[in-house]
Structure formats: C-alpha cells, structure tokens
C-alpha cells in the first residue's frame, strides 16, 4: 500500500501533553500544517521524505532550546526515532 496524499504522513509524539498546543502553534508559525490528533500527538500534512525530516529536526532543535523539558519523537509509520 502506498502513501495517501490526502492523509498526514508525519506524526510527532510528546512525552508531556501540556506542550502539545504550544508545539502546534510553533510549527504553524513556521508555515507547517499541523493538527492535534491526540493529547500527546500532532499530525503534520507532509510526506516523510528525508528533506522534510531534516527540516523538522531543525525546527525541533529550536523548540528544545525554548522548552528543554519537552521530549518529542518523530513518527512516520515506518520507523520511530527520537527527533532530537
């Protein structure tokens, strides 16, 4: 089965749900299309390509400078890896 272009393919899971809305707002301010999928889970309307992952990793490094206690994992359905 292939990826559907109508469905977000990248997810971010937060260890602390109290940061979810702040991270969504931060990513939207950077031009990302983000939905809160669950209290600790964001979905991004992007395909999980290497360049998209690299861009998101940069954004998340900035985020972690602002919120060092906010742990975030990047998920894309195929693997699971720490974002930063």
N, C-alpha and C. Protein backbone atom coordinates (compact mmCIF):
# COMPACT_ATOMS: atom_id res chain seq x y z
N UNK A 1 0.83 -1.18 0.00
CA UNK A 1 0.00 0.00 0.00
C UNK A 1 0.88 1.24 0.00
N UNK A 2 0.52 2.22 -0.79
CA UNK A 2 1.28 3.45 -0.86
C UNK A 2 0.75 4.49 0.09
N UNK A 3 1.47 5.60 0.14
CA UNK A 3 1.05 6.71 0.98
C UNK A 3 -0.09 7.46 0.30
N UNK A 4 -1.05 7.88 1.07
CA UNK A 4 -2.15 8.68 0.55
C UNK A 4 -1.82 10.15 0.68
N UNK A 5 -1.88 10.92 -0.41
CA UNK A 5 -1.55 12.34 -0.33
C UNK A 5 -2.61 13.14 0.44
N UNK A 6 -3.75 12.53 0.74
CA UNK A 6 -4.82 13.23 1.45
C UNK A 6 -4.70 13.08 2.96
N UNK A 7 -3.79 12.27 3.42
CA UNK A 7 -3.67 11.98 4.85
C UNK A 7 -2.29 12.38 5.35
N UNK A 8 -2.21 13.06 6.48
CA UNK A 8 -0.89 13.40 7.02
C UNK A 8 -0.05 12.15 7.23
N UNK A 9 1.21 12.25 6.91
CA UNK A 9 2.08 11.09 6.98
C UNK A 9 3.13 11.20 8.09
N UNK A 10 3.26 12.35 8.72
CA UNK A 10 4.28 12.53 9.75
C UNK A 10 3.58 12.86 11.05
N UNK A 11 4.02 12.22 12.13
CA UNK A 11 3.45 12.48 13.44
C UNK A 11 4.56 12.82 14.42
N UNK A 12 4.22 13.65 15.38
CA UNK A 12 5.12 13.99 16.47
C UNK A 12 4.44 13.62 17.77
N UNK A 13 5.12 12.82 18.58
CA UNK A 13 4.58 12.41 19.89
C UNK A 13 5.37 13.13 20.98
N UNK A 14 4.63 13.76 21.89
CA UNK A 14 5.24 14.47 23.01
C UNK A 14 5.14 13.63 24.27
N UNK A 15 6.19 13.64 25.08
CA UNK A 15 6.16 12.89 26.33
C UNK A 15 5.26 13.58 27.35
N UNK A 16 5.09 14.90 27.22
CA UNK A 16 4.24 15.67 28.14
C UNK A 16 3.18 16.40 27.32
N UNK A 17 1.91 15.97 27.42
CA UNK A 17 0.83 16.57 26.62
C UNK A 17 0.62 18.06 26.88
N UNK A 18 1.14 18.59 27.97
CA UNK A 18 0.94 20.02 28.23
C UNK A 18 1.66 20.90 27.21
N UNK A 19 2.59 20.33 26.44
CA UNK A 19 3.32 21.08 25.41
C UNK A 19 2.69 20.97 24.02
N UNK A 20 1.68 20.14 23.85
CA UNK A 20 1.13 19.85 22.52
C UNK A 20 0.66 21.09 21.79
N UNK A 21 -0.18 21.89 22.43
CA UNK A 21 -0.69 23.09 21.75
C UNK A 21 0.42 24.10 21.46
N UNK A 22 1.38 24.21 22.36
CA UNK A 22 2.50 25.14 22.13
C UNK A 22 3.34 24.71 20.93
N UNK A 23 3.58 23.40 20.81
CA UNK A 23 4.36 22.92 19.67
C UNK A 23 3.57 23.09 18.38
N UNK A 24 2.27 22.83 18.41
CA UNK A 24 1.44 23.03 17.22
C UNK A 24 1.49 24.48 16.77
N UNK A 25 1.36 25.40 17.70
CA UNK A 25 1.41 26.84 17.38
C UNK A 25 2.77 27.22 16.83
N UNK A 26 3.83 26.70 17.42
CA UNK A 26 5.20 26.98 16.96
C UNK A 26 5.37 26.51 15.52
N UNK A 27 4.96 25.28 15.22
CA UNK A 27 5.12 24.75 13.86
C UNK A 27 4.25 25.49 12.86
N UNK A 28 3.04 25.87 13.26
CA UNK A 28 2.19 26.66 12.36
C UNK A 28 2.84 28.00 12.05
N UNK A 29 3.52 28.60 13.02
CA UNK A 29 4.19 29.88 12.79
C UNK A 29 5.31 29.74 11.77
N UNK A 30 5.77 28.51 11.54
CA UNK A 30 6.81 28.23 10.56
C UNK A 30 6.23 27.76 9.23
N UNK A 31 4.90 27.85 9.10
CA UNK A 31 4.26 27.51 7.83
C UNK A 31 3.84 26.05 7.70
N UNK A 32 3.92 25.29 8.77
CA UNK A 32 3.53 23.88 8.71
C UNK A 32 2.03 23.74 8.92
N UNK A 33 1.43 22.73 8.29
CA UNK A 33 0.03 22.41 8.51
C UNK A 33 -0.01 21.31 9.56
N UNK A 34 -0.52 21.64 10.74
CA UNK A 34 -0.46 20.75 11.90
C UNK A 34 -1.86 20.57 12.48
N UNK A 35 -2.17 19.33 12.87
CA UNK A 35 -3.42 19.03 13.57
C UNK A 35 -3.08 18.32 14.87
N UNK A 36 -3.82 18.64 15.92
CA UNK A 36 -3.69 17.91 17.17
C UNK A 36 -4.54 16.66 17.02
N UNK A 37 -3.88 15.51 17.00
CA UNK A 37 -4.54 14.22 16.76
C UNK A 37 -4.96 13.55 18.06
N UNK A 38 -4.19 13.77 19.11
CA UNK A 38 -4.45 13.22 20.45
C UNK A 38 -3.77 14.16 21.44
N UNK A 39 -4.03 14.02 22.72
CA UNK A 39 -3.42 14.95 23.68
C UNK A 39 -1.89 15.04 23.60
N UNK A 40 -1.25 13.96 23.16
CA UNK A 40 0.21 13.96 23.07
C UNK A 40 0.71 13.72 21.65
N UNK A 41 -0.14 13.92 20.64
CA UNK A 41 0.21 13.55 19.27
C UNK A 41 -0.22 14.61 18.27
N UNK A 42 0.73 15.06 17.46
CA UNK A 42 0.46 16.01 16.37
C UNK A 42 0.63 15.29 15.05
N UNK A 43 -0.19 15.65 14.07
CA UNK A 43 -0.03 15.16 12.70
C UNK A 43 0.32 16.34 11.82
N UNK A 44 1.33 16.13 10.97
CA UNK A 44 1.75 17.15 10.01
C UNK A 44 1.35 16.69 8.63
N UNK A 45 0.85 17.61 7.83
CA UNK A 45 0.41 17.32 6.47
C UNK A 45 1.60 17.40 5.52
N UNK A 46 2.49 16.41 5.65
CA UNK A 46 3.71 16.34 4.82
C UNK A 46 3.99 14.88 4.51
N UNK A 47 4.76 14.65 3.47
CA UNK A 47 5.26 13.31 3.20
C UNK A 47 6.58 13.15 3.94
N UNK A 48 6.83 11.97 4.53
CA UNK A 48 8.03 11.78 5.35
C UNK A 48 9.29 11.54 4.52
N UNK A 49 9.67 12.51 3.72
CA UNK A 49 10.91 12.39 2.95
C UNK A 49 12.10 12.76 3.83
N UNK A 50 13.26 12.44 3.37
CA UNK A 50 14.47 12.76 4.12
C UNK A 50 14.62 14.26 4.31
N UNK A 51 14.33 15.06 3.29
CA UNK A 51 14.47 16.51 3.41
C UNK A 51 13.44 17.09 4.38
N UNK A 52 12.22 16.56 4.38
CA UNK A 52 11.20 17.03 5.32
C UNK A 52 11.62 16.67 6.75
N UNK A 53 12.11 15.45 6.94
CA UNK A 53 12.57 15.05 8.27
C UNK A 53 13.70 15.95 8.73
N UNK A 54 14.63 16.27 7.85
CA UNK A 54 15.74 17.15 8.22
C UNK A 54 15.25 18.53 8.62
N UNK A 55 14.31 19.07 7.85
CA UNK A 55 13.73 20.39 8.17
C UNK A 55 13.03 20.36 9.52
N UNK A 56 12.25 19.33 9.77
CA UNK A 56 11.55 19.22 11.05
C UNK A 56 12.52 19.04 12.21
N UNK A 57 13.60 18.31 11.99
CA UNK A 57 14.61 18.14 13.04
C UNK A 57 15.21 19.48 13.43
N UNK A 58 15.44 20.35 12.46
CA UNK A 58 15.96 21.69 12.75
C UNK A 58 14.95 22.47 13.58
N UNK A 59 13.69 22.45 13.16
CA UNK A 59 12.64 23.14 13.92
C UNK A 59 12.57 22.62 15.35
N UNK A 60 12.67 21.29 15.50
CA UNK A 60 12.56 20.70 16.83
C UNK A 60 13.77 21.02 17.70
N UNK A 61 14.94 21.20 17.09
CA UNK A 61 16.11 21.64 17.87
C UNK A 61 15.88 23.03 18.44
N UNK A 62 15.30 23.92 17.65
CA UNK A 62 14.97 25.26 18.14
C UNK A 62 13.92 25.15 19.24
N UNK A 63 12.90 24.34 19.02
CA UNK A 63 11.85 24.13 20.01
C UNK A 63 12.45 23.66 21.35
N UNK A 64 13.41 22.72 21.28
CA UNK A 64 14.00 22.18 22.51
C UNK A 64 14.88 23.19 23.23
N UNK A 65 15.37 24.20 22.52
CA UNK A 65 16.08 25.29 23.19
C UNK A 65 15.07 26.11 24.00
N UNK A 66 13.90 26.34 23.41
CA UNK A 66 12.84 27.10 24.09
C UNK A 66 12.21 26.30 25.23
N UNK A 67 12.04 24.99 25.03
CA UNK A 67 11.38 24.13 26.01
C UNK A 67 12.24 22.87 26.22
N UNK A 68 13.32 22.98 26.97
CA UNK A 68 14.26 21.85 27.10
C UNK A 68 13.66 20.60 27.76
N UNK A 69 12.56 20.75 28.49
CA UNK A 69 11.95 19.59 29.14
C UNK A 69 10.93 18.88 28.25
N UNK A 70 10.67 19.42 27.07
CA UNK A 70 9.65 18.86 26.17
C UNK A 70 10.29 17.83 25.25
N UNK A 71 10.09 16.56 25.55
CA UNK A 71 10.63 15.49 24.70
C UNK A 71 9.66 15.21 23.56
N UNK A 72 10.20 15.13 22.34
CA UNK A 72 9.38 14.92 21.14
C UNK A 72 9.98 13.79 20.33
N UNK A 73 9.13 12.88 19.85
CA UNK A 73 9.56 11.83 18.93
C UNK A 73 8.88 12.05 17.59
N UNK A 74 9.64 11.86 16.52
CA UNK A 74 9.11 11.97 15.17
C UNK A 74 8.73 10.57 14.70
N UNK A 75 7.48 10.41 14.26
CA UNK A 75 6.97 9.13 13.79
C UNK A 75 6.50 9.29 12.35
N UNK A 76 6.66 8.26 11.54
CA UNK A 76 6.15 8.37 10.18
C UNK A 76 5.53 7.08 9.68
N UNK A 77 5.21 6.17 10.58
CA UNK A 77 4.54 4.94 10.16
C UNK A 77 5.48 3.83 9.79
N UNK A 78 6.70 4.14 9.39
CA UNK A 78 7.66 3.10 9.01
C UNK A 78 8.68 2.86 10.10
N UNK A 79 9.08 3.92 10.78
CA UNK A 79 10.04 3.78 11.86
C UNK A 79 9.72 4.80 12.93
N UNK A 80 10.46 4.70 14.00
CA UNK A 80 10.26 5.62 15.11
C UNK A 80 11.65 6.01 15.59
N UNK A 81 11.93 7.30 15.62
CA UNK A 81 13.24 7.75 16.02
C UNK A 81 13.12 9.02 16.83
N UNK A 82 14.01 9.19 17.81
CA UNK A 82 13.99 10.45 18.56
C UNK A 82 14.23 11.62 17.61
N UNK A 83 13.52 12.69 17.80
CA UNK A 83 13.66 13.86 16.93
C UNK A 83 14.90 14.66 17.29
N UNK A 84 15.24 14.70 18.53
CA UNK A 84 16.43 15.46 18.96
C UNK A 84 16.87 15.00 20.30
